[in-house]
Protein backbone atom coordinates (compact mmCIF):
# COMPACT_ATOMS: atom_id res chain seq x y z
CA MET A 1 73.63 52.78 116.94
CA GLN A 2 73.60 56.68 117.42
CA THR A 3 72.75 58.02 120.24
CA GLN A 4 72.13 62.07 120.42
CA LEU A 5 75.32 64.32 121.13
CA THR A 6 75.21 66.49 124.29
CA LEU A 7 77.46 69.45 124.64
CA GLY A 8 78.53 71.66 127.66
CA VAL A 9 78.85 75.10 126.36
CA VAL A 10 80.63 77.93 128.10
CA VAL A 11 79.59 81.32 126.75
CA GLY A 12 82.77 83.36 127.44
CA ASN A 13 82.06 87.31 128.40
CA ARG A 14 84.29 90.35 129.20
CA GLY A 15 82.58 93.21 131.17
CA PHE A 16 83.97 96.26 129.09
CA PHE A 17 82.96 94.87 125.65
CA PRO A 18 79.48 95.26 124.83
CA GLY A 19 77.34 92.52 126.58
CA HIS A 20 74.34 92.53 124.58
CA LEU A 21 76.62 90.55 121.72
CA CYS A 22 76.49 87.77 124.62
CA GLU A 23 72.89 87.82 124.34
CA THR A 24 72.67 87.45 120.65
CA GLY A 25 75.24 85.29 120.51
CA ARG A 26 74.12 82.52 123.01
CA ARG A 27 71.01 82.63 121.08
CA GLU A 28 72.76 82.25 117.38
CA ILE A 29 74.78 79.12 119.20
CA LEU A 30 71.95 77.65 120.73
CA GLU A 31 70.42 77.80 117.06
CA ALA A 32 73.31 76.19 115.56
CA LEU A 33 73.72 73.62 117.66
CA ALA A 34 69.79 72.61 117.32
CA GLN A 35 70.24 72.47 113.44
CA ALA A 36 73.13 69.96 114.15
CA GLY A 37 70.63 67.76 116.27
CA ILE A 38 73.02 68.43 119.42
CA LYS A 39 71.83 69.09 122.72
CA PRO A 40 73.24 71.46 125.10
CA VAL A 41 73.50 72.14 128.59
CA LEU A 42 74.61 75.23 129.95
CA LEU A 43 74.10 78.07 132.40
CA GLU A 44 70.23 79.60 132.59
CA ALA A 45 70.07 83.03 131.13
CA GLY A 46 69.35 84.56 134.47
CA ALA A 47 71.80 82.59 136.42
CA THR A 48 74.58 84.73 135.40
CA LYS A 49 74.48 88.23 133.32
CA PHE A 50 73.55 87.07 129.90
CA GLY A 51 74.03 83.30 131.21
CA ALA A 52 77.69 83.78 130.62
CA VAL A 53 81.01 83.44 132.50
CA GLU A 54 83.02 86.05 133.46
CA SER A 55 83.83 85.63 137.04
CA LEU A 56 85.34 83.02 139.54
CA ALA A 57 81.24 82.98 140.63
CA ASP A 58 80.16 82.54 137.10
CA ALA A 59 82.85 80.14 136.28
CA GLN A 60 82.16 78.31 139.77
CA ARG A 61 78.76 77.87 138.72
CA CYS A 62 79.01 76.57 135.34
CA ALA A 63 81.43 73.89 136.85
CA ASP A 64 78.64 72.94 139.56
CA LEU A 65 76.43 72.36 136.54
CA PHE A 66 78.77 70.44 134.15
CA ARG A 67 79.84 68.14 137.55
CA GLN A 68 75.80 67.29 137.98
CA GLU A 69 75.67 66.60 134.28
CA ALA A 70 78.63 64.93 133.59
CA GLU A 71 77.56 61.63 132.56
CA ARG A 72 76.01 62.83 129.81
CA ILE A 73 78.43 65.61 128.51
CA ASP A 74 80.08 64.15 125.58
CA GLY A 75 82.32 67.53 124.78
CA VAL A 76 82.28 71.36 125.58
CA LEU A 77 82.04 74.02 123.30
CA VAL A 78 83.87 77.30 124.21
CA THR A 79 81.87 80.33 122.27
CA LEU A 80 83.14 83.63 122.48
CA PRO A 81 80.70 86.51 121.50
CA ASN A 82 83.04 88.93 122.64
CA PHE A 83 86.83 88.96 123.70
CA GLY A 84 85.86 86.59 126.95
CA ASP A 85 87.28 86.07 130.26
CA GLU A 86 90.31 83.90 129.46
CA ARG A 87 90.35 83.05 133.21
CA GLY A 88 86.78 82.01 133.59
CA VAL A 89 86.60 79.59 130.74
CA ALA A 90 89.66 77.80 132.01
CA ASN A 91 88.32 77.65 135.22
CA ALA A 92 85.06 76.25 134.63
CA LEU A 93 86.49 73.61 132.58
CA ARG A 94 88.85 72.19 135.21
CA TRP A 95 86.65 72.63 138.38
CA SER A 96 84.33 71.16 136.21
CA GLY A 97 86.45 67.98 136.59
CA LEU A 98 85.72 67.19 132.76
CA LYS A 99 88.09 64.59 130.66
CA VAL A 100 85.96 65.68 127.27
CA PRO A 101 87.04 67.46 124.04
CA VAL A 102 86.56 71.26 123.75
CA LEU A 103 85.91 72.95 120.93
CA VAL A 104 86.83 76.84 120.87
CA GLN A 105 84.63 79.16 118.35
CA ALA A 106 85.03 82.69 118.09
CA PHE A 107 82.51 85.02 116.81
CA ASN A 108 83.93 87.69 113.74
CA ASP A 109 83.76 91.26 113.48
CA ALA A 110 81.95 92.97 110.62
CA PRO A 111 83.85 95.62 109.57
CA HIS A 112 81.06 98.05 109.25
CA ALA A 113 80.47 97.72 113.13
CA MET A 114 83.68 98.46 114.52
CA THR A 115 82.57 101.04 117.20
CA ILE A 116 82.83 101.00 121.21
CA LYS A 117 79.40 99.74 120.88
CA ASP A 118 79.29 96.82 118.42
CA ARG A 119 82.98 95.57 118.19
CA ARG A 120 83.70 91.88 119.32
CA ASP A 121 87.37 91.40 119.28
CA SER A 122 86.80 87.72 119.72
CA PHE A 123 89.45 87.05 116.87
CA CYS A 124 91.97 88.37 119.85
CA GLY A 125 90.07 86.91 122.90
CA LYS A 126 90.30 83.62 121.25
CA MET A 127 94.08 83.24 121.66
CA SER A 128 94.06 84.62 125.04
CA VAL A 129 91.71 81.48 125.97
CA CYS A 130 93.69 79.21 124.07
CA ASN A 131 96.75 80.59 126.08
CA ASN A 132 95.35 79.54 129.23
CA LEU A 133 93.76 76.28 128.23
CA ARG A 134 97.18 75.45 127.20
CA GLN A 135 98.64 76.65 130.62
CA TYR A 136 95.81 74.71 132.47
CA ARG A 137 96.67 71.50 130.26
CA ILE A 138 93.66 71.07 129.00
CA PRO A 139 93.56 69.89 125.26
CA PHE A 140 91.23 71.74 122.93
CA THR A 141 89.91 71.80 119.29
CA LEU A 142 89.96 74.71 116.95
CA THR A 143 87.55 75.36 114.09
CA ARG A 144 88.31 75.75 110.58
CA LEU A 145 88.32 79.57 110.55
CA HIS A 146 90.13 81.41 113.17
CA THR A 147 86.46 83.33 113.74
CA CYS A 148 83.34 82.15 112.32
CA HIS A 149 79.71 83.26 113.03
CA PRO A 150 77.53 79.95 113.91
CA SER A 151 75.14 80.13 110.79
CA HIS A 152 78.80 79.97 108.95
CA PRO A 153 78.69 76.61 106.77
CA THR A 154 82.31 75.68 107.89
CA PHE A 155 81.18 75.57 111.40
CA ALA A 156 78.63 73.35 110.51
CA GLN A 157 81.34 71.21 109.42
CA ASP A 158 83.18 71.64 112.64
CA LEU A 159 80.34 70.75 114.88
CA GLN A 160 80.11 67.74 112.88
CA ASP A 161 83.82 66.49 112.88
CA PHE A 162 83.75 67.27 116.71
CA ALA A 163 80.52 65.28 116.93
CA VAL A 164 83.15 62.24 115.64
CA THR A 165 85.98 63.63 118.03
CA CYS A 166 83.47 63.15 120.84
CA ARG A 167 81.93 60.07 120.13
CA THR A 168 85.22 58.29 119.58
CA LEU A 169 86.25 59.12 122.98
CA ARG A 170 83.10 57.77 124.45
CA ALA A 171 83.24 54.63 122.27
CA LEU A 172 86.59 53.72 123.41
CA ARG A 173 86.33 54.97 127.24
CA ASN A 174 86.17 51.42 129.17
CA LEU A 175 85.68 49.65 125.73
CA ARG A 176 85.74 45.69 126.32
CA ILE A 177 86.31 43.42 123.41
CA GLY A 178 86.15 39.69 123.61
CA ALA A 179 88.68 37.48 122.07
CA LEU A 180 87.07 34.49 120.46
CA GLY A 181 89.96 31.44 120.45
CA ALA A 182 93.76 32.14 119.76
CA ARG A 183 95.22 34.30 116.37
CA PRO A 184 95.92 31.62 113.44
CA THR A 185 99.45 30.40 113.71
CA ALA A 186 100.23 32.10 110.40
CA PHE A 187 99.18 35.33 111.18
CA ASN A 188 102.32 37.20 113.36
CA THR A 189 100.84 40.27 111.47
CA VAL A 190 97.97 40.70 114.17
CA ARG A 191 99.78 40.32 117.52
CA TYR A 192 99.48 42.79 119.43
CA SER A 193 100.05 44.43 123.09
CA GLU A 194 97.53 43.50 125.31
CA LYS A 195 99.07 45.66 128.37
CA LEU A 196 99.24 48.76 126.28
CA LEU A 197 95.56 48.54 125.22
CA GLU A 198 94.59 48.21 129.44
CA GLN A 199 96.75 51.25 129.72
CA ALA A 200 94.59 52.85 127.39
CA GLY A 201 91.20 52.00 128.98
CA ILE A 202 90.59 49.27 126.82
CA SER A 203 90.24 45.75 128.27
CA VAL A 204 90.21 42.16 126.50
CA GLU A 205 88.40 39.23 127.54
CA THR A 206 89.53 35.94 126.35
CA LEU A 207 87.51 32.82 125.41
CA ASP A 208 89.07 29.50 124.29
CA LEU A 209 87.59 27.96 121.21
CA SER A 210 87.08 24.49 122.72
CA GLU A 211 84.92 26.22 125.69
CA ALA A 212 82.71 27.60 122.78
CA PHE A 213 82.52 24.55 121.27
CA GLY A 214 81.56 22.62 124.43
CA ARG A 215 78.37 25.51 125.51
CA ILE A 216 77.39 24.41 121.57
CA GLY A 217 77.48 21.13 122.37
CA ARG A 218 74.84 21.91 125.04
CA LEU A 219 72.01 23.31 123.25
CA SER A 220 69.36 21.53 121.65
CA ASP A 221 68.63 21.92 117.96
CA ASP A 222 65.10 22.99 118.78
CA HIS A 223 66.19 25.46 121.72
CA ALA A 224 64.16 28.52 121.70
CA ALA A 225 67.30 31.12 121.03
CA VAL A 226 68.71 28.77 118.73
CA GLN A 227 65.52 28.68 116.46
CA ALA A 228 65.34 32.62 116.87
CA LYS A 229 68.99 32.98 115.61
CA LEU A 230 68.26 30.81 112.53
CA LYS A 231 65.27 33.19 111.57
CA GLU A 232 67.64 36.36 112.32
CA ILE A 233 69.82 34.21 109.71
CA HIS A 234 67.64 33.87 107.31
CA ALA A 235 66.10 37.27 107.49
CA TYR A 236 69.82 38.92 107.32
CA VAL A 237 70.98 37.50 104.42
CA GLN A 238 69.84 35.06 101.15
CA ALA A 239 70.70 31.57 102.39
CA LYS A 240 68.79 29.13 100.26
CA SER A 241 71.34 27.01 99.13
CA ILE A 242 73.05 26.47 102.37
CA PRO A 243 72.33 22.99 104.12
CA GLY A 244 70.10 23.01 107.07
CA PRO A 245 72.81 21.37 109.76
CA ALA A 246 75.26 24.60 108.51
CA LEU A 247 72.99 26.83 109.55
CA LEU A 248 71.94 25.27 112.28
CA LYS A 249 75.30 25.24 113.56
CA MET A 250 76.16 28.94 112.75
CA ALA A 251 72.40 30.11 115.01
CA LYS A 252 74.27 27.80 117.87
CA PHE A 253 77.81 29.78 117.42
CA GLY A 254 75.43 32.83 117.51
CA VAL A 255 73.77 32.05 120.51
CA VAL A 256 76.84 31.15 122.51
CA VAL A 257 78.56 34.49 121.44
CA ASP A 258 75.65 36.43 122.30
CA ASP A 259 75.27 35.07 126.12
CA TRP A 260 79.19 35.47 126.21
CA MET A 261 79.00 39.15 125.34
CA GLN A 262 76.07 40.17 127.71
CA ALA A 263 77.59 38.01 130.66
CA THR A 264 81.07 39.30 130.43
CA ARG A 265 79.55 43.20 128.97
CA LEU A 266 81.66 43.13 125.33
CA ARG A 267 80.84 45.67 123.15
CA ALA A 268 82.75 44.17 120.13
CA THR A 269 84.73 40.54 119.59
CA ALA A 270 87.55 39.49 117.25
CA ILE A 271 87.24 35.66 116.46
CA GLN A 272 89.55 32.75 115.21
CA CYS A 273 87.97 31.87 111.89
CA TRP A 274 90.51 29.70 110.70
CA THR A 275 91.22 26.72 110.23
CA ALA A 276 90.43 25.19 114.05
CA MET A 277 86.34 26.38 113.17
CA GLU A 278 85.97 24.54 110.10
CA GLU A 279 87.94 21.54 111.17
CA TYR A 280 86.35 20.85 114.30
CA PHE A 281 82.71 22.60 113.84
CA GLY A 282 82.09 22.35 110.40
CA VAL A 283 81.36 26.19 109.24
CA VAL A 284 82.76 29.58 109.34
CA PRO A 285 81.67 32.19 111.60
CA CYS A 286 81.34 34.94 108.91
CA THR A 287 77.54 35.41 108.92
CA LEU A 288 77.53 36.03 112.50
CA MET A 289 80.31 38.53 112.67
CA SER A 290 78.45 40.09 109.96
CA MET A 291 75.16 40.57 111.77
CA MET A 292 76.95 41.37 114.69
CA SER A 293 79.10 44.34 112.89
CA ASN A 294 75.86 45.67 111.27
CA LEU A 295 74.69 46.47 115.11
CA GLY A 296 77.66 48.35 115.57
CA LEU A 297 78.75 45.24 117.53
CA SER A 298 82.06 45.35 115.40
CA SER A 299 83.66 41.66 114.81
CA ALA A 300 86.97 41.40 113.53
CA CYS A 301 88.25 38.25 111.75
CA GLU A 302 91.54 36.59 112.58
CA VAL A 303 91.50 37.78 115.95
CA ASP A 304 92.54 41.28 115.25
CA ILE A 305 92.06 42.96 118.21
CA MET A 306 93.48 46.19 117.07
CA GLY A 307 91.31 45.94 113.91
CA THR A 308 88.26 45.96 116.07
CA VAL A 309 89.33 48.54 118.01
CA ALA A 310 89.12 50.67 114.59
CA MET A 311 85.80 49.39 113.16
CA TYR A 312 84.34 49.89 116.59
CA ALA A 313 85.50 53.41 116.91
CA MET A 314 84.27 54.29 113.35
CA ALA A 315 80.97 52.79 113.57
CA GLN A 316 80.51 54.69 116.72
CA ALA A 317 81.68 57.89 115.78
CA SER A 318 79.78 57.75 112.67
CA GLY A 319 76.68 55.64 113.43
CA GLN A 320 77.24 53.39 110.30
CA PRO A 321 78.77 50.04 110.48
CA SER A 322 82.47 49.05 109.60
CA ALA A 323 84.11 46.38 107.90
CA LEU A 324 87.26 44.84 108.34
CA VAL A 325 89.02 44.08 104.52
CA ASP A 326 92.18 43.57 103.21
CA TRP A 327 94.18 46.05 101.37
CA ASN A 328 94.58 43.45 98.73
CA ASN A 329 95.32 44.15 95.26
CA ASN A 330 96.81 46.58 92.81
CA TYR A 331 93.66 48.07 90.48
CA GLY A 332 95.25 48.09 86.73
CA GLU A 333 98.18 50.30 86.01
CA ASP A 334 96.58 53.26 88.30
CA PRO A 335 99.08 54.13 91.29
CA ASP A 336 95.73 56.23 93.02
CA LYS A 337 93.50 52.74 92.91
CA GLY A 338 93.14 49.40 94.41
CA VAL A 339 91.26 46.66 95.65
CA ILE A 340 89.81 45.91 98.88
CA PHE A 341 88.43 42.36 99.78
CA HIS A 342 87.76 39.92 102.27
CA CYS A 343 86.60 36.11 102.32
CA SER A 344 83.51 37.72 103.93
CA ASN A 345 82.34 38.87 106.96
CA LEU A 346 81.50 42.32 105.68
CA PRO A 347 78.36 43.87 107.47
CA LYS A 348 75.13 43.90 105.10
CA ASP A 349 74.95 47.53 105.04
CA ILE A 350 78.10 48.16 103.39
CA PHE A 351 77.16 45.83 100.09
CA ALA A 352 75.80 47.50 97.00
CA THR A 353 73.05 44.88 96.85
CA PRO A 354 71.61 42.77 99.33
CA PRO A 355 74.18 39.80 99.82
CA LYS A 356 74.20 36.11 100.11
CA MET A 357 75.72 33.43 101.72
CA ASP A 358 77.97 31.17 99.85
CA TYR A 359 80.84 28.78 100.94
CA GLN A 360 84.75 29.98 101.47
CA GLU A 361 86.70 29.35 98.30
CA ILE A 362 89.85 29.68 99.60
CA ILE A 363 90.46 27.34 102.43
CA ALA A 364 87.85 25.05 101.03
CA GLY A 365 90.36 23.15 99.20
CA THR A 366 92.01 22.08 102.47
CA VAL A 367 89.08 21.72 104.70
CA GLY A 368 86.16 20.57 102.31
CA LYS A 369 83.99 22.83 100.73
CA GLU A 370 81.17 21.32 103.37
CA ASN A 371 83.05 22.46 106.38
CA THR A 372 83.16 26.44 105.01
CA TYR A 373 79.98 27.56 104.60
CA GLY A 374 78.87 30.50 106.04
CA THR A 375 80.72 33.61 104.14
CA VAL A 376 78.69 36.95 103.15
CA ILE A 377 79.58 37.69 99.89
CA GLY A 378 78.80 41.01 97.21
CA ARG A 379 80.38 44.19 96.19
CA VAL A 380 80.51 46.97 98.56
CA LYS A 381 78.34 50.10 97.54
CA THR A 382 79.96 53.29 96.04
CA SER A 383 80.52 56.03 98.40
CA ALA A 384 82.99 58.11 100.04
CA PHE A 385 84.93 56.20 102.65
CA THR A 386 87.17 56.66 105.85
CA TYR A 387 89.64 53.82 106.64
CA LEU A 388 91.49 53.57 109.90
CA ARG A 389 94.18 51.00 111.05
CA ALA A 390 95.23 50.96 114.95
CA SER A 391 98.14 49.26 116.38
CA THR A 392 100.27 49.08 119.23
CA ASP A 393 103.76 49.69 119.16
CA ASP A 394 105.48 47.62 121.64
CA ALA A 395 109.15 49.16 121.30
CA ALA A 396 107.90 52.84 121.60
CA GLY A 397 105.42 51.95 124.54
CA ASN A 398 102.26 53.37 122.71
CA LEU A 399 99.69 53.00 120.47
CA ARG A 400 99.73 54.14 116.95
CA ALA A 401 97.27 54.57 113.86
CA TYR A 402 96.61 56.16 110.74
CA VAL A 403 93.48 57.60 108.69
CA GLY A 404 92.30 58.89 105.55
CA GLU A 405 89.54 59.00 103.35
CA GLY A 406 89.05 58.11 99.93
CA GLU A 407 86.17 56.93 97.13
CA LEU A 408 84.77 53.33 96.95
CA THR A 409 84.30 53.32 93.12
CA SER A 410 82.27 51.55 90.45
CA ASP A 411 85.02 50.31 88.27
CA PRO A 412 84.46 47.31 87.05
CA LEU A 413 86.06 43.99 88.85
CA GLU A 414 84.88 40.14 89.00
CA THR A 415 85.57 38.27 91.98
CA PHE A 416 84.39 36.41 94.96
CA GLY A 417 83.96 37.18 98.52
CA GLY A 418 83.58 40.93 99.81
CA TYR A 419 85.22 43.14 97.57
CA GLY A 420 85.37 46.69 95.86
CA VAL A 421 87.70 48.99 94.53
CA VAL A 422 89.17 52.26 96.19
CA ARG A 423 90.61 55.81 94.92
CA ILE A 424 92.49 57.36 97.31
CA PRO A 425 94.87 60.49 96.47
CA GLN A 426 98.68 59.76 97.02
CA TYR A 427 97.76 55.95 97.53
CA GLN A 428 101.51 55.15 97.01
CA LYS A 429 102.12 57.21 99.53
CA LEU A 430 100.02 55.86 101.97
CA LEU A 431 100.84 52.26 100.93
CA ARG A 432 104.76 53.38 101.74
CA HIS A 433 103.96 54.79 105.09
CA ILE A 434 101.93 51.49 105.97
CA CYS A 435 105.26 49.29 105.06
CA GLU A 436 107.86 51.62 106.26
CA ASN A 437 106.19 51.62 109.60
CA GLY A 438 105.13 48.00 109.84
CA PHE A 439 101.30 48.45 109.71
CA GLU A 440 99.23 45.06 109.34
CA HIS A 441 97.42 44.52 105.63
CA HIS A 442 94.18 44.44 107.52
CA VAL A 443 92.30 47.59 107.49
CA ALA A 444 88.80 48.93 108.61
CA VAL A 445 86.75 50.92 106.39
CA ASN A 446 83.32 52.97 107.15
CA PRO A 447 81.39 54.56 104.17
CA THR A 448 81.21 58.26 105.66
CA ARG A 449 83.83 60.81 105.88
CA ILE A 450 84.86 61.33 109.52
CA ALA A 451 88.92 61.30 109.44
CA ALA A 452 89.71 64.94 110.87
CA GLY A 453 87.52 63.88 113.65
CA LEU A 454 89.00 60.67 114.38
CA ARG A 455 92.64 62.30 114.23
CA GLU A 456 91.81 64.67 116.08
CA ALA A 457 90.28 62.17 118.94
CA LEU A 458 93.19 59.58 118.98
CA GLY A 459 95.69 61.86 118.17
CA LYS A 460 95.18 64.95 120.26
CA TYR A 461 92.75 63.56 123.60
CA LEU A 462 94.12 60.01 123.65
CA GLY A 463 97.69 60.58 122.78
CA TRP A 464 98.17 58.30 120.12
CA ASP A 465 100.81 58.65 117.40
CA ILE A 466 98.40 59.22 114.25
CA TYR A 467 99.51 60.18 110.63
CA LEU A 468 96.72 61.86 108.46
CA HIS A 469 97.08 60.95 105.12
CA GLU A 470 96.40 63.64 102.69
């Protein structure tokens, strides 16, 4: 699901500071990137003095290189082994034309090496570089510590967070989402502004549910693609108790959605999962949605397009599938715990044990059990997790979100669907924020810790109004 990250690297230099620090610093930063599995793009050591950027000519060479490699550069790392030349760094970035995140890192001085031969002054130089980037209106990200050596554990975490930021931006840039069917009438909650999404570079392609049913009707039971999808379903989830006709309907539905996504270049979907699907087709689409989400092609229920945006952003940022759940119940009297739940279409990899297919208990009473086969049920695994909710604010004319981290616990719970118990510090404060700001009850969850990188991507680089719950 996740491709290797590629960073452009600018090694800053200022001539009257020790040049040998650029030579060793360049080598040490490349070692740190290799350790993190990140591929660098930077000037060859002989292209300029120590392969660093100082003069206008150096900046132009660096900018030219970055333009040539623009398609594969996810972000830029500015490293300052000495004070660095503020104009050289800023000009290289401006002239490259790149619109990617920028991480600024500066080496730290050692108290025993503060003579003119070894003193870096990167501590001071970083402020000058950041001042110029702000003048140039180039947004940038800072490391946890103002100065740190590339081998320091905090810098390894900085790189991980920055990778999340870069992957999030790449994932959302020119994203195309499919909306299959109209939102359920009872769910005003999931209304959103398609125009605001378009302004943010995210497009929505619609398909009427009746058209999907029409395409399904033209597929024969023995069609090769249908039979192949049927095998995929059986390989994906335990379905021994599910009637054959219901499984065949699911397979046909899966083929139609796959073809639609390929033809219209969709990377994610949101689907009208009730109740027209059950009343007029006779299954729930949860298993097929689970399968797509498990591959990183996030699929949200109840035509929750903004839920899909959050799911997809986290899946691409982390390399792990995301799920869409409800903030659903309290957990006893513990104010920092709660129950997350859905019917469900949760991806297979988020469950503690292999899930099984069943029927949708909630709506079976109104449309009949025989028309609701296809849910994927089980308990989510114990792990740290990140939650993210995105929304469009029509009144303010922008996108907004909240993000944070917590734990999926092993606290006892017996229920149906896909479920888990969460523990979130200051959970009541988060719930108050959700209610007072009119956020939806749906939230995307991902079994990784990526909140810091997401906040930076959505807030600083995309300009969304974002709340980080701490």
